[in-house]
């Protein structure tokens, strides 16, 4: 039977409903729109030294976090990821309206196992055109909310030991139920009666016999780290073919966590020494040393001997020493560093987890209880200059953030609004997709790159003021811009 043709009609968009009263040869058939778009779950697993085989991008014309450059025959392609797919969730966390840098970090922290919920690019655009709520779409895919697993660190009690044992469930290999000593070490560490064991000391237990698991327990010493989940939630994950991963977990009693330090530069610098040296474990690392008394570094909570993990949320482990020094010095007045103790780094490395998976944000309390993050207080007395072109959108952060995404043209300065969450603070303040960002909290950002603009947004805390212009007006306007020029001496590591 010939298919209908015409502008905008494709086999993906239409389906036919047969009317038995009129017969199969009747040329007039009932045409109905395709059902609700269906997200796809892609579970990726890579080996040590292997990449997932795709890029994640924001683009000027397209909306959302876009999957690009899917390597032919690579991990991503084999797991069903396609060029142009839009990302909805990373490891069971909704990210469609999250900042691009945050989404990329979640993927990086996932380690060797990654769970992505994506939507076909054409379906994504049609959903937005219909005003469909993408968050509701992801909820409908799962039918109900999923309880996160728990990552529990148990320290042996001198009397009652670890306070935990495991019983095989049925005849199925690798399925174990938790038995607890009431009030014992395991129960105090967040483990619950009848939990299912998923992972122990970095190894999944799905292929283990009970005898093999018992041998692992005997070798664990005075402490053990396990991933557990309640039995009902385990069934829900299995029904969705979704893996249960440590990066999805809520931490309980973990002995170490990374810290995020925020500081402002003083005239003499930040007041610490960056040194590339070998740690006690034998691994080389970028270490923070010689923290000056009363310096911005000390006030931010920096401790001598910590390992530097990130500068402004960008990982530095693979960078050369001089490259990190340059990144610090080019950060301007404000900087954010993610650090961890050498023991903490070794702990997570042995478990096969990212050292910055669970991070604490160091908040500095000012007089009167005002909380800031090492940055200038928000300029409450700042006034809108009506002589400047564009419009000012001022708003406060909601429970799910500011409600917009930033995008840029790769390798070029300049930032635009790539996505606005329906009903969010950004939309209510008047932001539109495609708006060019001219100022962030009264600071001109036209010649700044996306990463720098995002830092300014975060430094504003719970309040944000953006001066924006629509693309056409911006191209026509003769708007002044600020360029920061200056040579950086990358040989000196005193910062």
Protein backbone atom coordinates (compact mmCIF):
# COMPACT_ATOMS: atom_id res chain seq x y z
CA UNK A 1 0.00 0.00 0.00
CA UNK A 2 1.52 3.41 -0.92
CA UNK A 3 2.54 5.65 1.97
CA UNK A 4 1.27 9.24 2.15
CA UNK A 5 3.76 11.93 1.33
CA UNK A 6 3.93 15.64 1.69
CA UNK A 7 5.65 18.38 3.70
CA UNK A 8 6.30 17.40 7.30
CA UNK A 9 4.95 13.82 6.97
CA UNK A 10 7.38 11.03 7.73
CA UNK A 11 6.99 7.41 8.72
CA UNK A 12 8.38 8.26 12.17
CA UNK A 13 5.75 10.94 12.80
CA UNK A 14 2.61 9.15 11.58
CA UNK A 15 0.84 5.86 12.08
CA UNK A 16 -2.38 4.47 10.55
CA UNK A 17 -5.44 3.19 12.39
CA UNK A 18 -7.36 0.62 10.36
CA UNK A 19 -11.16 1.04 10.27
CA UNK A 20 -12.66 -2.45 9.74
CA UNK A 21 -16.04 -1.01 8.67
CA UNK A 22 -14.52 0.73 5.64
CA UNK A 23 -12.20 -2.04 4.52
CA UNK A 24 -8.49 -2.26 3.95
CA UNK A 25 -8.64 -0.72 0.45
CA UNK A 26 -10.35 2.46 1.56
CA UNK A 27 -7.99 5.36 0.65
CA UNK A 28 -9.27 7.51 3.52
CA UNK A 29 -7.53 6.19 6.62
CA UNK A 30 -7.46 7.69 10.08
CA UNK A 31 -4.11 9.36 10.80
CA UNK A 32 -3.12 9.89 14.40
CA UNK A 33 -0.07 11.53 15.91
CA UNK A 34 2.67 9.34 17.33
CA UNK A 35 2.42 8.51 21.01
CA UNK A 36 4.44 10.18 23.74
CA UNK A 37 8.20 10.24 23.00
CA UNK A 38 10.01 7.35 24.62
CA UNK A 39 13.42 7.93 26.22
CA UNK A 40 16.06 5.20 25.83
CA UNK A 41 18.29 3.86 28.56
CA UNK A 42 21.90 3.35 27.45
CA UNK A 43 24.20 1.51 29.85
CA UNK A 44 27.89 1.96 29.00
CA UNK A 45 30.78 0.01 30.44
CA UNK A 46 34.40 0.62 29.52
CA UNK A 47 37.73 -0.92 30.40
CA UNK A 48 40.71 0.77 32.05
CA UNK A 49 42.27 3.30 29.65
CA UNK A 50 39.28 3.14 27.29
CA UNK A 51 36.97 6.04 26.46
CA UNK A 52 33.19 5.93 26.17
CA UNK A 53 33.47 7.07 22.56
CA UNK A 54 31.26 10.15 22.36
CA UNK A 55 31.32 13.92 22.92
CA UNK A 56 28.80 16.00 24.88
CA UNK A 57 28.13 19.45 23.48
CA UNK A 58 26.03 22.60 23.72
CA UNK A 59 25.32 24.19 20.34
CA UNK A 60 24.10 27.60 19.26
CA UNK A 61 21.04 26.51 17.29
CA UNK A 62 20.13 23.19 18.89
CA UNK A 63 18.84 22.89 22.46
CA UNK A 64 19.86 20.57 25.27
CA UNK A 65 22.97 18.53 26.05
CA UNK A 66 23.75 16.92 22.68
CA UNK A 67 25.51 13.63 21.99
CA UNK A 68 28.03 14.11 19.17
CA UNK A 69 30.94 12.30 17.50
CA UNK A 70 29.82 8.80 18.46
CA UNK A 71 32.79 6.60 17.57
CA UNK A 72 31.93 3.85 15.11
CA UNK A 73 32.21 0.51 16.88
CA UNK A 74 32.96 2.23 20.20
CA UNK A 75 31.38 1.65 23.61
CA UNK A 76 28.66 4.31 23.14
CA UNK A 77 27.56 3.09 19.71
CA UNK A 78 27.44 -0.54 20.83
CA UNK A 79 25.19 0.49 23.73
CA UNK A 80 22.68 2.32 21.51
CA UNK A 81 23.82 5.94 21.78
CA UNK A 82 23.29 7.92 18.55
CA UNK A 83 24.54 11.23 17.19
CA UNK A 84 22.08 14.01 18.02
CA UNK A 85 20.55 12.29 21.06
CA UNK A 86 19.68 14.64 23.92
CA UNK A 87 20.69 13.79 27.46
CA UNK A 88 17.93 13.65 30.10
CA UNK A 89 19.55 11.77 33.00
CA UNK A 90 23.01 10.72 34.12
CA UNK A 91 23.07 7.83 36.59
CA UNK A 92 19.42 8.36 37.56
CA UNK A 93 19.87 12.13 38.12
CA UNK A 94 17.85 14.54 35.93
CA UNK A 95 20.27 16.86 34.10
CA UNK A 96 18.33 18.29 31.16
CA UNK A 97 18.33 21.77 32.71
CA UNK A 98 21.63 21.48 34.61
CA UNK A 99 24.74 23.51 33.63
CA UNK A 100 26.87 21.79 31.00
CA UNK A 101 29.94 21.75 33.24
CA UNK A 102 28.00 19.94 35.99
CA UNK A 103 26.71 17.31 33.55
CA UNK A 104 30.19 16.65 32.17
CA UNK A 105 31.49 16.27 35.72
CA UNK A 106 28.81 13.71 36.59
CA UNK A 107 29.84 11.65 33.58
CA UNK A 108 33.51 11.91 34.52
CA UNK A 109 32.82 10.87 38.11
CA UNK A 110 30.96 7.78 36.99
CA UNK A 111 34.15 5.81 36.46
CA UNK A 112 33.93 2.72 34.24
CA UNK A 113 30.15 2.27 34.37
CA UNK A 114 27.72 4.91 33.06
CA UNK A 115 23.93 4.96 32.81
CA UNK A 116 22.39 7.54 30.44
CA UNK A 117 18.73 8.26 29.70
CA UNK A 118 18.48 9.93 26.29
CA UNK A 119 15.84 11.08 23.85
CA UNK A 120 16.13 11.08 20.08
CA UNK A 121 17.01 14.56 18.83
CA UNK A 122 13.92 14.98 16.61
CA UNK A 123 11.62 13.74 19.38
CA UNK A 124 13.30 16.14 21.80
CA UNK A 125 12.64 19.13 19.53
CA UNK A 126 9.01 18.10 18.97
CA UNK A 127 8.49 17.65 22.71
CA UNK A 128 9.76 21.19 23.35
CA UNK A 129 7.63 22.58 20.53
CA UNK A 130 4.54 21.01 22.14
CA UNK A 131 5.50 22.47 25.50
CA UNK A 132 5.97 19.02 26.99
CA UNK A 133 7.68 18.84 30.39
CA UNK A 134 10.86 16.80 29.98
CA UNK A 135 11.07 16.00 33.69
CA UNK A 136 7.56 14.49 33.54
CA UNK A 137 8.69 12.49 30.54
CA UNK A 138 11.56 10.93 32.47
CA UNK A 139 9.27 10.16 35.41
CA UNK A 140 6.80 8.45 33.10
CA UNK A 141 9.64 6.31 31.74
CA UNK A 142 10.38 5.00 35.24
CA UNK A 143 6.69 4.99 36.31
CA UNK A 144 7.82 5.71 39.91
CA UNK A 145 10.73 7.25 41.79
CA UNK A 146 13.73 5.03 42.51
CA UNK A 147 15.29 4.86 45.95
CA UNK A 148 19.06 5.45 45.69
CA UNK A 149 21.44 2.77 46.93
CA UNK A 150 23.62 3.38 50.02
CA UNK A 151 27.40 3.27 50.10
CA UNK A 152 28.28 2.26 53.66
CA UNK A 153 31.69 2.10 55.31
CA UNK A 154 31.75 -0.30 58.27
CA UNK A 155 34.50 -0.24 60.92
CA UNK A 156 34.94 -3.38 62.98
CA UNK A 157 33.77 -3.17 66.60
CA UNK A 158 36.24 -4.74 69.08
CA UNK A 159 33.42 -6.83 70.62
CA UNK A 160 30.77 -7.50 67.96
CA UNK A 161 32.97 -7.25 64.86
CA UNK A 162 31.50 -5.89 61.62
CA UNK A 163 27.99 -6.91 62.70
CA UNK A 164 26.98 -8.25 59.31
CA UNK A 165 26.66 -11.52 57.39
CA UNK A 166 25.11 -12.55 54.07
CA UNK A 167 22.64 -15.25 53.05
CA UNK A 168 22.16 -16.46 49.44
CA UNK A 169 18.71 -15.65 48.03
CA UNK A 170 17.23 -18.67 46.24
CA UNK A 171 19.36 -20.63 43.81
CA UNK A 172 20.43 -17.57 41.84
CA UNK A 173 24.16 -16.95 41.89
CA UNK A 174 25.37 -13.57 43.15
CA UNK A 175 22.18 -12.59 45.01
CA UNK A 176 22.72 -12.04 48.75
CA UNK A 177 20.52 -10.77 51.56
CA UNK A 178 21.98 -8.88 54.55
CA UNK A 179 21.79 -10.16 58.13
CA UNK A 180 22.57 -7.67 60.91
CA UNK A 181 23.62 -7.68 64.53
CA UNK A 182 21.16 -5.33 66.26
CA UNK A 183 22.98 -2.12 67.19
CA UNK A 184 26.18 -3.43 65.59
CA UNK A 185 28.73 -1.62 63.42
CA UNK A 186 26.95 -2.31 60.11
CA UNK A 187 23.57 -1.07 61.34
CA UNK A 188 25.19 2.10 62.70
CA UNK A 189 26.80 2.62 59.26
CA UNK A 190 23.49 2.80 57.39
CA UNK A 191 22.93 -0.85 56.46
CA UNK A 192 19.35 -2.11 56.93
CA UNK A 193 17.96 -5.54 57.68
CA UNK A 194 17.20 -7.62 54.54
CA UNK A 195 19.11 -5.22 52.27
CA UNK A 196 20.55 -6.71 49.09
CA UNK A 197 24.33 -6.64 48.64
CA UNK A 198 25.39 -5.14 45.30
CA UNK A 199 29.09 -4.33 45.63
CA UNK A 200 31.91 -4.90 48.11
CA UNK A 201 35.27 -3.10 48.29
CA UNK A 202 35.08 -2.11 44.63
CA UNK A 203 33.90 -5.46 43.26
CA UNK A 204 30.38 -6.38 42.14
CA UNK A 205 29.03 -9.57 43.71
CA UNK A 206 26.68 -10.62 40.90
CA UNK A 207 29.05 -13.39 39.74
CA UNK A 208 30.23 -14.55 43.16
CA UNK A 209 29.33 -17.73 44.96
CA UNK A 210 28.60 -17.63 48.69
CA UNK A 211 31.97 -19.30 49.37
CA UNK A 212 33.82 -16.65 47.33
CA UNK A 213 31.99 -13.87 49.17
CA UNK A 214 32.92 -15.43 52.52
CA UNK A 215 36.59 -15.46 51.50
CA UNK A 216 36.35 -11.76 50.62
CA UNK A 217 34.87 -11.02 54.04
CA UNK A 218 37.74 -12.80 55.81
CA UNK A 219 40.29 -10.71 53.91
CA UNK A 220 38.63 -7.35 54.59
CA UNK A 221 40.43 -6.65 57.86
CA UNK A 222 39.07 -4.03 60.25
CA UNK A 223 36.84 -2.22 57.79
CA UNK A 224 34.76 -2.81 54.71
CA UNK A 225 32.86 -0.64 52.20
CA UNK A 226 29.69 -2.06 50.67
CA UNK A 227 26.91 -0.91 48.33
CA UNK A 228 23.44 -2.03 49.42
CA UNK A 229 19.82 -1.39 48.46
CA UNK A 230 16.44 -2.56 49.75
CA UNK A 231 14.92 -5.58 47.99
CA UNK A 232 11.90 -3.74 46.52
CA UNK A 233 14.08 -1.04 44.96
CA UNK A 234 16.40 -3.71 43.57
CA UNK A 235 13.42 -5.21 41.70
CA UNK A 236 12.52 -1.80 40.25
CA UNK A 237 16.06 -1.25 38.94
CA UNK A 238 16.06 -4.76 37.43
CA UNK A 239 12.71 -4.12 35.73
CA UNK A 240 14.19 -1.04 34.04
CA UNK A 241 17.43 -2.91 33.18
CA UNK A 242 19.22 -0.17 35.12
CA UNK A 243 22.48 -0.98 36.94
CA UNK A 244 22.90 -0.04 40.61
CA UNK A 245 26.13 1.98 40.78
CA UNK A 246 28.19 3.56 43.58
CA UNK A 247 27.97 6.94 41.81
CA UNK A 248 24.18 6.82 42.34
CA UNK A 249 24.55 6.21 46.07
CA UNK A 250 23.98 8.18 49.24
CA UNK A 251 27.18 7.96 51.36
CA UNK A 252 27.07 6.66 54.93
CA UNK A 253 29.99 6.86 57.36
CA UNK A 254 32.64 7.29 54.64
CA UNK A 255 35.98 8.18 56.27
CA UNK A 256 37.03 10.69 53.61
CA UNK A 257 35.48 13.22 51.26
CA UNK A 258 36.85 15.89 48.99
CA UNK A 259 36.36 19.56 49.86
CA UNK A 260 35.64 22.59 47.72
CA UNK A 261 37.50 25.71 48.85
CA UNK A 262 36.52 29.20 47.66
CA UNK A 263 38.85 32.15 48.06
CA UNK A 264 39.60 35.69 46.93
CA UNK A 265 43.09 36.70 45.93
CA UNK A 266 44.98 39.17 48.12
CA UNK A 267 47.61 41.61 46.71
CA UNK A 268 50.33 39.10 47.62
CA UNK A 269 48.40 36.16 46.13
CA UNK A 270 46.44 33.28 47.63
CA UNK A 271 49.15 32.29 50.09
CA UNK A 272 50.09 28.68 49.32
CA UNK A 273 52.66 26.66 47.40
CA UNK A 274 51.74 24.20 44.65
CA UNK A 275 54.22 21.33 44.37
CA UNK A 276 54.28 18.26 42.14
CA UNK A 277 55.59 15.43 44.29
CA UNK A 278 55.33 11.73 45.05
CA UNK A 279 52.83 10.74 47.75
CA UNK A 280 53.36 7.98 50.31
CA UNK A 281 51.41 5.60 48.06
CA UNK A 282 54.04 6.04 45.36
CA UNK A 283 51.69 7.99 43.09
CA UNK A 284 52.64 11.48 41.95
CA UNK A 285 50.20 14.25 42.76
CA UNK A 286 49.79 18.04 42.79
CA UNK A 287 50.15 18.90 46.49
CA UNK A 288 49.23 22.06 48.41
CA UNK A 289 52.05 23.13 50.74
CA UNK A 290 53.25 25.97 53.03
CA UNK A 291 49.90 27.65 53.66
CA UNK A 292 50.60 31.19 54.95
CA UNK A 293 49.03 32.23 58.24
CA UNK A 294 46.19 34.69 57.69
CA UNK A 295 46.25 34.16 53.91
CA UNK A 296 43.15 33.68 51.72
CA UNK A 297 44.09 30.00 51.47
CA UNK A 298 44.12 29.53 55.25
CA UNK A 299 40.87 31.46 55.68
CA UNK A 300 39.26 29.21 53.06
CA UNK A 301 40.24 26.14 55.09
CA UNK A 302 43.23 24.87 53.10
CA UNK A 303 45.44 22.33 54.92
CA UNK A 304 49.08 21.62 54.25
CA UNK A 305 49.63 18.34 52.39
CA UNK A 306 46.26 18.12 50.61
CA UNK A 307 46.04 16.87 47.03
CA UNK A 308 44.64 19.26 44.41
CA UNK A 309 41.89 17.63 42.30
CA UNK A 310 40.22 20.53 40.48
CA UNK A 311 40.64 24.21 39.67
CA UNK A 312 37.29 25.90 39.10
CA UNK A 313 35.71 22.42 38.80
CA UNK A 314 38.06 21.40 35.99
CA UNK A 315 40.13 18.25 36.75
CA UNK A 316 43.89 18.80 36.96
CA UNK A 317 45.24 15.29 37.54
CA UNK A 318 46.40 14.93 33.93
CA UNK A 319 47.76 18.50 33.64
CA UNK A 320 51.38 19.55 33.87
CA UNK A 321 52.45 21.64 36.85
CA UNK A 322 52.87 24.82 34.79
CA UNK A 323 49.44 24.36 33.24
CA UNK A 324 47.83 24.32 36.68
CA UNK A 325 49.77 27.37 37.81
CA UNK A 326 48.58 29.21 34.71
CA UNK A 327 44.96 28.16 35.32
CA UNK A 328 45.13 29.45 38.91
CA UNK A 329 46.66 32.78 37.94
CA UNK A 330 44.25 33.34 35.08
CA UNK A 331 41.24 32.74 37.33
CA UNK A 332 41.20 36.40 38.30
CA UNK A 333 40.04 37.60 41.71
CA UNK A 334 38.09 34.48 42.72
CA UNK A 335 38.98 30.81 42.56
CA UNK A 336 37.54 27.47 43.62
CA UNK A 337 39.80 24.50 44.41
CA UNK A 338 38.70 20.92 45.08
CA UNK A 339 41.07 19.06 47.41
CA UNK A 340 41.37 15.80 49.33
CA UNK A 341 43.87 14.28 51.74
CA UNK A 342 46.38 11.76 50.28
CA UNK A 343 44.74 9.06 52.43
CA UNK A 344 41.34 9.98 50.97
CA UNK A 345 42.65 9.83 47.43
CA UNK A 346 44.12 6.38 48.09
CA UNK A 347 40.85 5.19 49.68
CA UNK A 348 38.74 6.07 46.64
CA UNK A 349 41.38 4.91 44.16
CA UNK A 350 41.46 1.45 45.75
CA UNK A 351 37.66 1.28 45.51
CA UNK A 352 37.78 2.31 41.85
CA UNK A 353 35.83 5.52 42.54
CA UNK A 354 36.48 9.15 41.69
CA UNK A 355 38.07 11.00 44.69
CA UNK A 356 35.69 13.94 44.16
CA UNK A 357 32.55 11.79 43.95
CA UNK A 358 31.35 13.01 47.37
CA UNK A 359 32.38 16.63 47.92
CA UNK A 360 31.79 19.04 50.80
CA UNK A 361 31.48 22.74 50.01
CA UNK A 362 33.46 24.84 52.50
CA UNK A 363 31.12 27.69 53.51
CA UNK A 364 32.47 30.73 55.33
CA UNK A 365 30.06 32.18 57.88
CA UNK A 366 30.03 35.99 58.14
CA UNK A 367 28.62 38.11 60.91
CA UNK A 368 24.85 37.93 61.13
CA UNK A 369 24.79 34.40 59.73
CA UNK A 370 25.22 35.37 56.06
CA UNK A 371 26.80 32.49 54.12
CA UNK A 372 29.11 33.24 51.20
CA UNK A 373 31.55 31.12 49.24
CA UNK A 374 34.77 33.08 49.47
CA UNK A 375 33.54 35.65 46.95
CA UNK A 376 32.46 39.29 47.11
CA UNK A 377 29.01 39.72 48.68
CA UNK A 378 26.27 40.27 46.12
CA UNK A 379 26.06 44.03 45.36
CA UNK A 380 22.65 44.75 46.90
CA UNK A 381 23.03 48.47 46.19
CA UNK A 382 23.86 47.94 42.51
CA UNK A 383 21.44 49.78 40.24
CA UNK A 384 20.40 49.14 36.68
CA UNK A 385 21.95 51.60 34.24
CA UNK A 386 19.14 52.48 31.79
CA UNK A 387 21.68 53.88 29.31
CA UNK A 388 23.02 50.40 28.62
CA UNK A 389 21.32 48.30 25.92
CA UNK A 390 19.52 45.07 26.72
CA UNK A 391 17.30 44.04 29.60
CA UNK A 392 18.15 43.04 33.15
CA UNK A 393 16.76 39.78 34.54
CA UNK A 394 17.17 39.46 38.31
CA UNK A 395 16.02 36.39 40.22
CA UNK A 396 16.76 33.97 43.06
CA UNK A 397 17.75 30.33 42.90
CA UNK A 398 14.88 27.88 43.29
CA UNK A 399 14.93 24.30 44.64
CA UNK A 400 16.17 23.04 41.24
CA UNK A 401 18.57 25.90 40.52
CA UNK A 402 18.21 29.06 38.43
CA UNK A 403 16.34 27.22 35.68
CA UNK A 404 18.48 27.89 32.62
CA UNK A 405 21.50 26.51 30.76
CA UNK A 406 24.41 28.44 29.27
CA UNK A 407 25.96 27.62 25.90
CA UNK A 408 28.79 28.91 23.75
CA UNK A 409 30.43 28.54 20.37
CA UNK A 410 33.37 26.14 20.92
CA UNK A 411 36.79 27.76 21.36
CA UNK A 412 35.35 31.29 21.30
CA UNK A 413 34.36 33.81 23.98
CA UNK A 414 30.73 34.79 24.36
CA UNK A 415 27.84 33.07 26.13
CA UNK A 416 24.16 32.62 25.35
CA UNK A 417 21.07 31.11 27.00
CA UNK A 418 20.81 27.61 25.52
CA UNK A 419 17.80 26.37 27.49
CA UNK A 420 15.18 27.77 29.86
CA UNK A 421 13.29 25.46 32.23
CA UNK A 422 9.49 25.93 31.95
CA UNK A 423 8.16 27.65 35.05
CA UNK A 424 11.64 28.11 36.52
CA UNK A 425 13.15 31.30 37.98
CA UNK A 426 14.88 32.11 34.68
CA UNK A 427 11.69 31.98 32.64
CA UNK A 428 9.79 34.03 35.23
CA UNK A 429 12.57 36.67 35.12
CA UNK A 430 12.20 37.01 31.34
CA UNK A 431 15.07 34.91 29.94
CA UNK A 432 14.61 33.53 26.44
CA UNK A 433 16.51 30.82 24.58
CA UNK A 434 19.12 32.48 22.36
CA UNK A 435 19.60 35.58 24.54
CA UNK A 436 23.22 36.74 24.57
CA UNK A 437 24.63 37.27 28.07
CA UNK A 438 26.26 40.70 28.36
CA UNK A 439 26.70 41.05 32.13
CA UNK A 440 26.65 38.72 35.13
CA UNK A 441 26.00 40.52 38.42
CA UNK A 442 26.96 43.84 36.79
CA UNK A 443 30.26 42.51 35.38
CA UNK A 444 30.74 42.52 31.61
CA UNK A 445 31.35 39.01 30.23
CA UNK A 446 31.23 39.51 26.47
CA UNK A 447 34.88 38.54 26.02
CA UNK A 448 34.88 35.79 28.62
CA UNK A 449 34.62 32.07 27.95
CA UNK A 450 31.79 29.86 29.16
CA UNK A 451 33.76 28.44 32.09
CA UNK A 452 34.54 31.93 33.46
CA UNK A 453 30.91 33.04 33.12
CA UNK A 454 29.73 29.96 35.00
CA UNK A 455 32.12 30.76 37.84
CA UNK A 456 30.61 34.27 38.14
CA UNK A 457 27.10 32.80 38.18
CA UNK A 458 28.01 30.43 41.02
CA UNK A 459 29.79 33.16 42.98
CA UNK A 460 26.52 35.11 43.15
CA UNK A 461 25.16 32.52 45.53
CA UNK A 462 21.36 32.39 45.71
CA UNK A 463 20.82 35.61 43.73
CA UNK A 464 21.62 36.41 40.14
CA UNK A 465 21.32 39.39 37.85
CA UNK A 466 21.90 39.01 34.10
CA UNK A 467 21.93 41.70 31.45
CA UNK A 468 20.94 40.01 28.20
CA UNK A 469 20.10 40.95 24.63
CA UNK A 470 18.34 39.02 21.91
CA UNK A 471 20.71 37.86 19.18
CA UNK A 472 19.55 40.32 16.50
CA UNK A 473 19.77 43.36 18.78
CA UNK A 474 23.16 42.28 20.06
CA UNK A 475 24.64 42.03 16.56
CA UNK A 476 23.32 45.50 15.72
CA UNK A 477 24.41 47.18 18.96
CA UNK A 478 27.80 48.76 19.49
CA UNK A 479 28.25 47.41 23.01
CA UNK A 480 31.58 48.06 24.75
CA UNK A 481 33.45 45.04 26.04
CA UNK A 482 36.26 44.46 28.47
CA UNK A 483 39.33 42.46 27.53
CA UNK A 484 41.70 41.20 30.20
CA UNK A 485 45.22 41.13 28.79
CA UNK A 486 48.37 40.22 30.66
CA UNK A 487 51.30 37.85 30.62
CA UNK A 488 51.46 35.09 33.22
CA UNK A 489 54.74 33.83 34.65
CA UNK A 490 54.13 30.07 34.81
CA UNK A 491 57.52 29.25 36.37
CA UNK A 492 56.74 30.56 39.86
CA UNK A 493 54.59 28.12 41.87
CA UNK A 494 53.94 30.43 44.81
CA UNK A 495 50.26 31.28 44.50
